[in-house]
C-alpha atoms as a PDB file:
ATOM      1  CA  MET A   1     101.448  67.168  58.422  1.00  0.00           C
ATOM      2  CA  ALA A   2     103.750  67.965  61.335  1.00  0.00           C
ATOM      3  CA  GLY A   3     100.795  67.632  63.725  1.00  0.00           C
ATOM      4  CA  ALA A   4      98.999  64.840  61.807  1.00  0.00           C
ATOM      5  CA  THR A   5      97.461  61.999  63.700  1.00  0.00           C
ATOM      6  CA  ILE A   6      99.436  58.898  62.793  1.00  0.00           C
ATOM      7  CA  PRO A   7      97.117  55.880  62.597  1.00  0.00           C
ATOM      8  CA  ASP A   8      98.134  52.496  63.927  1.00  0.00           C
ATOM      9  CA  ALA A   9     100.282  51.093  61.119  1.00  0.00           C
ATOM     10  CA  ALA A  10     101.162  47.813  62.889  1.00  0.00           C
ATOM     11  CA  SER A  11      98.531  46.128  60.678  1.00  0.00           C
ATOM     12  CA  HIS A  12      99.388  45.744  57.005  1.00  0.00           C
ATOM     13  CA  GLU A  13      95.704  45.814  56.128  1.00  0.00           C
ATOM     14  CA  ALA A  14      95.339  49.203  57.833  1.00  0.00           C
ATOM     15  CA  SER A  15      98.207  50.740  55.885  1.00  0.00           C
ATOM     16  CA  LEU A  16      97.546  52.257  52.456  1.00  0.00           C
ATOM     17  CA  ALA A  17     101.272  52.768  52.073  1.00  0.00           C
ATOM     18  CA  TRP A  18     101.851  49.049  52.426  1.00  0.00           C
ATOM     19  CA  ARG A  19      99.118  48.224  49.872  1.00  0.00           C
ATOM     20  CA  HIS A  20     100.679  50.704  47.438  1.00  0.00           C
ATOM     21  CA  ARG A  21     104.287  50.119  48.408  1.00  0.00           C
ATOM     22  CA  ARG A  22     105.431  49.971  44.765  1.00  0.00           C
ATOM     23  CA  ALA A  23     104.795  53.734  44.624  1.00  0.00           C
ATOM     24  CA  LEU A  24     107.470  54.319  47.258  1.00  0.00           C
ATOM     25  CA  LEU A  25     111.212  54.736  46.577  1.00  0.00           C
ATOM     26  CA  PRO A  26     113.373  52.018  48.207  1.00  0.00           C
ATOM     27  CA  HIS A  27     114.635  54.209  51.009  1.00  0.00           C
ATOM     28  CA  GLU A  28     111.098  55.332  51.807  1.00  0.00           C
ATOM     29  CA  ALA A  29     109.902  51.730  52.002  1.00  0.00           C
ATOM     30  CA  ALA A  30     112.878  50.917  54.248  1.00  0.00           C
ATOM     31  CA  LEU A  31     112.069  53.797  56.592  1.00  0.00           C
ATOM     32  CA  LEU A  32     108.431  52.750  56.737  1.00  0.00           C
ATOM     33  CA  VAL A  33     109.308  49.157  57.622  1.00  0.00           C
ATOM     34  CA  ALA A  34     111.790  50.322  60.247  1.00  0.00           C
ATOM     35  CA  GLY A  35     109.230  52.578  61.916  1.00  0.00           C
ATOM     36  CA  ARG A  36     111.123  55.722  61.125  1.00  0.00           C
ATOM     37  CA  LEU A  37     108.193  56.914  58.977  1.00  0.00           C
ATOM     38  CA  ALA A  38     104.535  56.125  59.672  1.00  0.00           C
ATOM     39  CA  ASP A  39     101.642  55.917  57.233  1.00  0.00           C
ATOM     40  CA  ALA A  40      99.412  59.001  57.724  1.00  0.00           C
ATOM     41  CA  THR A  41      97.383  58.523  54.532  1.00  0.00           C
ATOM     42  CA  HIS A  42      93.622  58.974  54.963  1.00  0.00           C
ATOM     43  CA  ALA A  43      91.119  56.685  53.280  1.00  0.00           C
ATOM     44  CA  ASN A  44      90.178  58.958  50.342  1.00  0.00           C
ATOM     45  CA  ALA A  45      93.593  60.488  49.732  1.00  0.00           C
ATOM     46  CA  SER A  46      95.075  60.996  46.266  1.00  0.00           C
ATOM     47  CA  ALA A  47      98.606  60.534  47.589  1.00  0.00           C
ATOM     48  CA  LEU A  48     100.496  58.546  50.151  1.00  0.00           C
ATOM     49  CA  TRP A  49     101.682  60.541  53.146  1.00  0.00           C
ATOM     50  CA  LEU A  50     104.493  59.207  55.293  1.00  0.00           C
ATOM     51  CA  VAL A  51     105.439  61.236  58.389  1.00  0.00           C
ATOM     52  CA  ALA A  52     107.669  61.164  61.404  1.00  0.00           C
ATOM     53  CA  PRO A  53     107.484  63.381  64.526  1.00  0.00           C
ATOM     54  CA  SER A  54     110.042  66.119  64.786  1.00  0.00           C
ATOM     55  CA  SER A  55     113.067  65.381  66.896  1.00  0.00           C
ATOM     56  CA  LEU A  56     112.781  66.225  70.604  1.00  0.00           C
ATOM     57  CA  LEU A  57     115.206  69.003  71.539  1.00  0.00           C
ATOM     58  CA  PRO A  58     116.728  68.962  75.021  1.00  0.00           C
ATOM     59  CA  PRO A  59     115.255  71.618  77.335  1.00  0.00           C
ATOM     60  CA  SER A  60     116.703  75.076  77.052  1.00  0.00           C
ATOM     61  CA  PRO A  61     119.064  76.175  79.856  1.00  0.00           C
ATOM     62  CA  ALA A  62     117.183  77.889  82.695  1.00  0.00           C
ATOM     63  CA  PRO A  63     117.647  81.676  82.830  1.00  0.00           C
ATOM     64  CA  PRO A  64     120.097  82.924  85.425  1.00  0.00           C
ATOM     65  CA  PRO A  65     118.606  83.938  88.730  1.00  0.00           C
ATOM     66  CA  VAL A  66     117.911  87.564  89.408  1.00  0.00           C
ATOM     67  CA  ALA A  67     120.701  89.210  91.434  1.00  0.00           C
ATOM     68  CA  ALA A  68     119.960  89.365  95.135  1.00  0.00           C
ATOM     69  CA  GLY A  69     119.911  92.576  97.133  1.00  0.00           C
ATOM     70  CA  GLY A  70     117.119  94.379  95.369  1.00  0.00           C
ATOM     71  CA  ALA A  71     113.928  95.571  97.017  1.00  0.00           C
ATOM     72  CA  ALA A  72     110.284  95.685  96.128  1.00  0.00           C
ATOM     73  CA  SER A  73     107.670  98.191  97.214  1.00  0.00           C
ATOM     74  CA  GLU A  74     103.986  98.969  96.680  1.00  0.00           C
ATOM     75  CA  ASP A  75     103.308 101.781  94.328  1.00  0.00           C
ATOM     76  CA  ASP A  76      99.581 102.580  93.803  1.00  0.00           C
ATOM     77  CA  GLY A  77      98.764  98.962  94.505  1.00  0.00           C
ATOM     78  CA  VAL A  78     101.206  97.602  91.911  1.00  0.00           C
ATOM     79  CA  LEU A  79     104.239  95.643  93.028  1.00  0.00           C
ATOM     80  CA  VAL A  80     107.296  97.359  91.570  1.00  0.00           C
ATOM     81  CA  SER A  81     110.530  95.417  91.436  1.00  0.00           C
ATOM     82  CA  ARG A  82     113.716  97.361  92.111  1.00  0.00           C
ATOM     83  CA  ARG A  83     115.994  94.427  91.413  1.00  0.00           C
ATOM     84  CA  ALA A  84     118.401  94.615  88.586  1.00  0.00           C
ATOM     85  CA  PRO A  85     117.038  93.052  85.354  1.00  0.00           C
ATOM     86  CA  PRO A  86     118.487  89.652  84.453  1.00  0.00           C
ATOM     87  CA  PRO A  87     121.375  89.744  81.997  1.00  0.00           C
ATOM     88  CA  PRO A  88     120.525  88.828  78.362  1.00  0.00           C
ATOM     89  CA  MET A  89     120.378  85.111  77.635  1.00  0.00           C
ATOM     90  CA  VAL A  90     123.466  83.799  75.921  1.00  0.00           C
ATOM     91  CA  VAL A  91     122.880  80.676  73.834  1.00  0.00           C
ATOM     92  CA  ALA A  92     125.603  78.073  74.298  1.00  0.00           C
ATOM     93  CA  ASP A  93     127.436  77.049  71.126  1.00  0.00           C
ATOM     94  CA  ASP A  94     126.388  73.411  71.667  1.00  0.00           C
ATOM     95  CA  ALA A  95     122.689  74.172  71.884  1.00  0.00           C
ATOM     96  CA  LEU A  96     120.721  72.528  69.109  1.00  0.00           C
ATOM     97  CA  THR A  97     117.980  73.741  66.773  1.00  0.00           C
ATOM     98  CA  LEU A  98     115.953  72.140  63.971  1.00  0.00           C
ATOM     99  CA  LEU A  99     115.828  73.270  60.335  1.00  0.00           C
ATOM    100  CA  TYR A 100     113.563  71.977  57.556  1.00  0.00           C
ATOM    101  CA  ARG A 101     113.856  71.929  53.802  1.00  0.00           C
ATOM    102  CA  PRO A 102     111.418  70.676  51.129  1.00  0.00           C
ATOM    103  CA  MET A 103     113.174  68.985  48.221  1.00  0.00           C
ATOM    104  CA  GLY A 104     112.520  67.035  45.064  1.00  0.00           C
ATOM    105  CA  ASP A 105     113.786  63.504  44.397  1.00  0.00           C
ATOM    106  CA  ALA A 106     116.987  64.605  42.736  1.00  0.00           C
ATOM    107  CA  GLU A 107     118.108  66.777  45.681  1.00  0.00           C
ATOM    108  CA  ALA A 108     116.975  64.231  48.274  1.00  0.00           C
ATOM    109  CA  GLY A 109     118.777  61.455  46.407  1.00  0.00           C
ATOM    110  CA  HIS A 110     121.976  63.480  46.268  1.00  0.00           C
ATOM    111  CA  LEU A 111     121.744  64.069  50.032  1.00  0.00           C
ATOM    112  CA  LEU A 112     121.283  60.377  50.764  1.00  0.00           C
ATOM    113  CA  ALA A 113     124.062  59.368  48.404  1.00  0.00           C
ATOM    114  CA  HIS A 114     126.632  62.002  49.382  1.00  0.00           C
ATOM    115  CA  GLY A 115     125.633  63.285  52.785  1.00  0.00           C
ATOM    116  CA  ALA A 116     125.502  66.899  51.560  1.00  0.00           C
ATOM    117  CA  LEU A 117     123.187  69.126  49.589  1.00  0.00           C
ATOM    118  CA  PRO A 118     123.972  69.724  45.885  1.00  0.00           C
ATOM    119  CA  SER A 119     124.831  73.190  44.596  1.00  0.00           C
ATOM    120  CA  THR A 120     121.871  73.159  42.149  1.00  0.00           C
ATOM    121  CA  GLN A 121     119.408  75.575  43.655  1.00  0.00           C
ATOM    122  CA  PRO A 122     119.759  79.385  43.418  1.00  0.00           C
ATOM    123  CA  TYR A 123     118.052  80.027  46.776  1.00  0.00           C
ATOM    124  CA  GLN A 124     117.922  76.675  48.625  1.00  0.00           C
ATOM    125  CA  ALA A 125     116.137  77.867  51.694  1.00  0.00           C
ATOM    126  CA  VAL A 126     116.043  76.147  55.107  1.00  0.00           C
ATOM    127  CA  MET A 127     113.397  77.082  57.709  1.00  0.00           C
ATOM    128  CA  GLU A 128     113.765  76.977  61.464  1.00  0.00           C
ATOM    129  CA  GLY A 129     111.511  75.342  64.089  1.00  0.00           C
ATOM    130  CA  ALA A 130     107.983  73.983  64.105  1.00  0.00           C
ATOM    131  CA  ALA A 131     106.771  76.906  61.997  1.00  0.00           C
ATOM    132  CA  GLY A 132     109.565  76.150  59.540  1.00  0.00           C
ATOM    133  CA  ARG A 133     108.376  72.537  59.190  1.00  0.00           C
ATOM    134  CA  SER A 134     104.773  73.650  58.613  1.00  0.00           C
ATOM    135  CA  TYR A 135     105.990  76.085  55.938  1.00  0.00           C
ATOM    136  CA  ALA A 136     108.163  73.454  54.269  1.00  0.00           C
ATOM    137  CA  GLU A 137     105.230  71.018  54.093  1.00  0.00           C
ATOM    138  CA  LYS A 138     103.146  73.560  52.226  1.00  0.00           C
ATOM    139  CA  TYR A 139     105.276  72.776  49.173  1.00  0.00           C
ATOM    140  CA  LEU A 140     104.163  69.140  49.391  1.00  0.00           C
ATOM    141  CA  SER A 141     100.466  69.894  50.046  1.00  0.00           C
ATOM    142  CA  GLY A 142     100.300  72.385  47.102  1.00  0.00           C
ATOM    143  CA  LYS A 143      99.753  75.519  49.150  1.00  0.00           C
ATOM    144  CA  LYS A 144     103.153  76.712  47.923  1.00  0.00           C
ATOM    145  CA  TRP A 145     104.754  75.987  44.577  1.00  0.00           C
ATOM    146  CA  VAL A 146     108.300  75.634  43.246  1.00  0.00           C
ATOM    147  CA  ASP A 147     109.467  74.064  39.938  1.00  0.00           C
ATOM    148  CA  THR A 148     111.526  71.301  41.619  1.00  0.00           C
ATOM    149  CA  ALA A 149     108.397  69.192  42.411  1.00  0.00           C
ATOM    150  CA  PRO A 150     109.070  68.586  46.121  1.00  0.00           C
ATOM    151  CA  THR A 151     108.237  65.196  47.497  1.00  0.00           C
ATOM    152  CA  THR A 152     110.231  65.134  50.719  1.00  0.00           C
ATOM    153  CA  VAL A 153     110.832  67.308  53.787  1.00  0.00           C
ATOM    154  CA  VAL A 154     114.159  66.747  55.551  1.00  0.00           C
ATOM    155  CA  GLU A 155     114.872  67.762  59.126  1.00  0.00           C
ATOM    156  CA  PHE A 156     118.375  68.985  59.890  1.00  0.00           C
ATOM    157  CA  CYS A 157     119.553  69.225  63.510  1.00  0.00           C
ATOM    158  CA  LEU A 158     122.441  71.658  63.833  1.00  0.00           C
ATOM    159  CA  ARG A 159     124.240  73.727  66.437  1.00  0.00           C
ATOM    160  CA  LYS A 160     122.736  77.119  66.983  1.00  0.00           C
ATOM    161  CA  SER A 161     126.102  78.681  66.414  1.00  0.00           C
ATOM    162  CA  VAL A 162     126.028  77.371  62.795  1.00  0.00           C
ATOM    163  CA  VAL A 163     122.494  78.653  62.304  1.00  0.00           C
ATOM    164  CA  ALA A 164     123.490  82.098  63.703  1.00  0.00           C
ATOM    165  CA  ALA A 165     126.284  82.265  61.154  1.00  0.00           C
ATOM    166  CA  LEU A 166     123.889  81.391  58.329  1.00  0.00           C
ATOM    167  CA  MET A 167     121.330  83.901  59.584  1.00  0.00           C
ATOM    168  CA  ALA A 168     123.991  86.624  59.662  1.00  0.00           C
ATOM    169  CA  ARG A 169     124.578  86.030  55.928  1.00  0.00           C
ATOM    170  CA  GLN A 170     120.894  86.204  54.953  1.00  0.00           C
ATOM    171  CA  HIS A 171     117.438  85.594  56.424  1.00  0.00           C
ATOM    172  CA  LYS A 172     113.858  86.667  55.975  1.00  0.00           C
ATOM    173  CA  CYS A 173     110.365  85.978  57.362  1.00  0.00           C
ATOM    174  CA  GLU A 174     108.247  83.406  55.534  1.00  0.00           C
ATOM    175  CA  ASP A 175     104.661  83.005  56.784  1.00  0.00           C
ATOM    176  CA  GLY A 176     105.663  83.183  60.427  1.00  0.00           C
ATOM    177  CA  CYS A 177     108.995  81.380  60.243  1.00  0.00           C
ATOM    178  CA  LEU A 178     112.616  82.371  59.613  1.00  0.00           C
ATOM    179  CA  SER A 179     114.111  81.290  56.335  1.00  0.00           C
ATOM    180  CA  MET A 180     117.812  81.239  55.513  1.00  0.00           C
ATOM    181  CA  GLY A 181     118.923  80.855  51.871  1.00  0.00           C
ATOM    182  CA  LEU A 182     121.998  78.748  51.175  1.00  0.00           C
ATOM    183  CA  GLY A 183     122.270  79.328  47.440  1.00  0.00           C
ATOM    184  CA  PRO A 184     124.319  81.885  45.469  1.00  0.00           C
ATOM    185  CA  LYS A 185     121.262  84.168  45.077  1.00  0.00           C
ATOM    186  CA  ALA A 186     120.704  84.231  48.816  1.00  0.00           C
ATOM    187  CA  GLY A 187     123.232  83.980  51.633  1.00  0.00           C
ATOM    188  CA  ASN A 188     125.643  81.614  49.753  1.00  0.00           C
ATOM    189  CA  GLY A 189     126.114  79.591  52.973  1.00  0.00           C
ATOM    190  CA  LEU A 190     125.900  76.143  51.347  1.00  0.00           C
ATOM    191  CA  ALA A 191     129.565  75.304  52.018  1.00  0.00           C
ATOM    192  CA  LEU A 192     129.195  76.181  55.726  1.00  0.00           C
ATOM    193  CA  PHE A 193     125.938  74.188  55.952  1.00  0.00           C
ATOM    194  CA  ASN A 194     127.371  71.145  54.201  1.00  0.00           C
ATOM    195  CA  ALA A 195     130.485  71.220  56.334  1.00  0.00           C
ATOM    196  CA  ALA A 196     128.317  71.068  59.448  1.00  0.00           C
ATOM    197  CA  ILE A 197     126.218  68.081  58.368  1.00  0.00           C
ATOM    198  CA  VAL A 198     129.197  66.159  56.899  1.00  0.00           C
ATOM    199  CA  ALA A 199     131.057  66.592  60.198  1.00  0.00           C
ATOM    200  CA  ALA A 200     127.957  65.320  62.041  1.00  0.00           C
ATOM    201  CA  ALA A 201     127.620  62.284  59.746  1.00  0.00           C
ATOM    202  CA  ASP A 202     131.302  61.391  60.318  1.00  0.00           C
ATOM    203  CA  ALA A 203     130.769  61.601  64.106  1.00  0.00           C
ATOM    204  CA  ALA A 204     127.416  59.685  64.258  1.00  0.00           C
ATOM    205  CA  PRO A 205     125.801  58.659  60.964  1.00  0.00           C
ATOM    206  CA  ALA A 206     122.088  59.458  61.019  1.00  0.00           C
ATOM    207  CA  LEU A 207     120.988  58.466  57.526  1.00  0.00           C
ATOM    208  CA  PRO A 208     121.086  56.068  55.934  1.00  0.00           C
ATOM    209  CA  ASP A 209     122.107  53.500  58.547  1.00  0.00           C
ATOM    210  CA  PHE A 210     119.727  50.845  57.203  1.00  0.00           C
ATOM    211  CA  ASP A 211     119.984  48.409  54.320  1.00  0.00           C
ATOM    212  CA  ASP A 212     117.487  49.547  51.656  1.00  0.00           C
ATOM    213  CA  SER A 213     118.434  46.852  49.096  1.00  0.00           C
ATOM    214  CA  GLY A 214     115.268  45.041  48.161  1.00  0.00           C
ATOM    215  CA  ALA A 215     113.340  47.128  50.699  1.00  0.00           C
ATOM    216  CA  GLN A 216     110.083  46.932  48.695  1.00  0.00           C
ATOM    217  CA  ASP A 217     110.141  43.137  49.119  1.00  0.00           C
ATOM    218  CA  LYS A 218     110.645  43.258  52.907  1.00  0.00           C
ATOM    219  CA  PHE A 219     107.003  43.904  53.810  1.00  0.00           C
ATOM    220  CA  ASP A 220     106.586  40.368  55.100  1.00  0.00           C
ATOM    221  CA  VAL A 221     107.867  41.660  58.457  1.00  0.00           C
ATOM    222  CA  PRO A 222     105.489  43.552  60.798  1.00  0.00           C
ATOM    223  CA  LEU A 223     105.389  47.285  60.394  1.00  0.00           C
ATOM    224  CA  VAL A 224     106.678  49.117  63.451  1.00  0.00           C
ATOM    225  CA  ALA A 225     104.224  51.690  64.806  1.00  0.00           C
ATOM    226  CA  MET A 226     106.009  54.969  65.686  1.00  0.00           C
ATOM    227  CA  ILE A 227     105.127  56.221  69.181  1.00  0.00           C
ATOM    228  CA  ASP A 228     107.582  58.767  70.512  1.00  0.00           C
ATOM    229  CA  PRO A 229     109.657  61.487  68.797  1.00  0.00           C
ATOM    230  CA  PRO A 230     113.378  60.637  68.749  1.00  0.00           C
ATOM    231  CA  PRO A 231     115.825  62.675  70.800  1.00  0.00           C
ATOM    232  CA  ALA A 232     117.567  65.308  68.715  1.00  0.00           C
ATOM    233  CA  ARG A 233     121.122  64.607  67.487  1.00  0.00           C
ATOM    234  CA  VAL A 234     123.179  66.576  65.062  1.00  0.00           C
ATOM    235  CA  GLY A 235     122.504  65.281  61.560  1.00  0.00           C
ATOM    236  CA  TYR A 236     119.524  64.923  59.278  1.00  0.00           C
ATOM    237  CA  ARG A 237     116.486  62.670  58.761  1.00  0.00           C
ATOM    238  CA  ILE A 238     113.467  62.437  56.466  1.00  0.00           C
ATOM    239  CA  VAL A 239     110.310  63.508  58.280  1.00  0.00           C
ATOM    240  CA  THR A 240     107.669  63.839  55.515  1.00  0.00           C
ATOM    241  CA  VAL A 241     107.122  62.108  52.198  1.00  0.00           C
ATOM    242  CA  LYS A 242     104.301  62.561  49.692  1.00  0.00           C
ATOM    243  CA  ARG A 243     103.856  60.086  46.844  1.00  0.00           C
ATOM    244  CA  PRO A 244     100.929  60.135  44.377  1.00  0.00           C
ATOM    245  CA  LEU A 245      98.881  56.951  44.451  1.00  0.00           C
ATOM    246  CA  PRO A 246      99.496  54.959  41.243  1.00  0.00           C
ATOM    247  CA  ASP A 247      95.915  55.073  39.982  1.00  0.00           C
ATOM    248  CA  VAL A 248      95.711  58.858  40.556  1.00  0.00           C
ATOM    249  CA  ALA A 249      99.043  59.425  38.743  1.00  0.00           C
ATOM    250  CA  ARG A 250      97.862  57.380  35.710  1.00  0.00           C
ATOM    251  CA  LYS A 251      94.608  59.343  35.477  1.00  0.00           C
ATOM    252  CA  ALA A 252      96.480  62.621  35.657  1.00  0.00           C
ATOM    253  CA  LYS A 253      98.694  61.609  32.710  1.00  0.00           C
ATOM    254  CA  LYS A 254      95.641  60.774  30.583  1.00  0.00           C
ATOM    255  CA  ARG A 255      94.116  64.207  30.990  1.00  0.00           C
END
């Protein structure tokens, strides 16, 4: 869903999520109304899909220029550089990166209520970058399975120095992305991770900074169509939600 086409949700009639808004949790409805999530549900879907574009990271620092004073010559028609190779790139501590985690309602609710992840999962993996988001969303689409019934993908924006510390504890490749486990059966970096996002929330709260009381009754205001990805800032935000359509859920229970 990371690259999904988001239809124009400015019209209530065009939004399946609006017509089935009672299937959404209050904070999901509030995010939809505020334009922080957009309805990406197709006409024949069995579930509601709400998505937001990934945060826009600032451009990476330019590599340092090659030291002057070298020479180049022709060798059998191939230009051979005799300049010294550039030094290895050093990532600044304040550079940002994006991590993604699929989670069920209990874990997402704890995050929204307390601003930190609970210590309930033995592995509790977070995945880095666009490939990490695609991997996380496989748990919502059914291509991957876990017993926590994921409904939500959360994006975490953290300093690369924090991620490097987590990676040093434990990491592995998962379908083309890097995964870092926070739980006791993995890298046990949950305390470090939570400290980073709590500090970020204290500095500049990212979620929730909206009033979700009675959110499901607030659909008399126009839905805001999302256009551009937001600039990245340290913190976290919900970027994907999947909710079964009520009729489909009832039929599944009867089987």
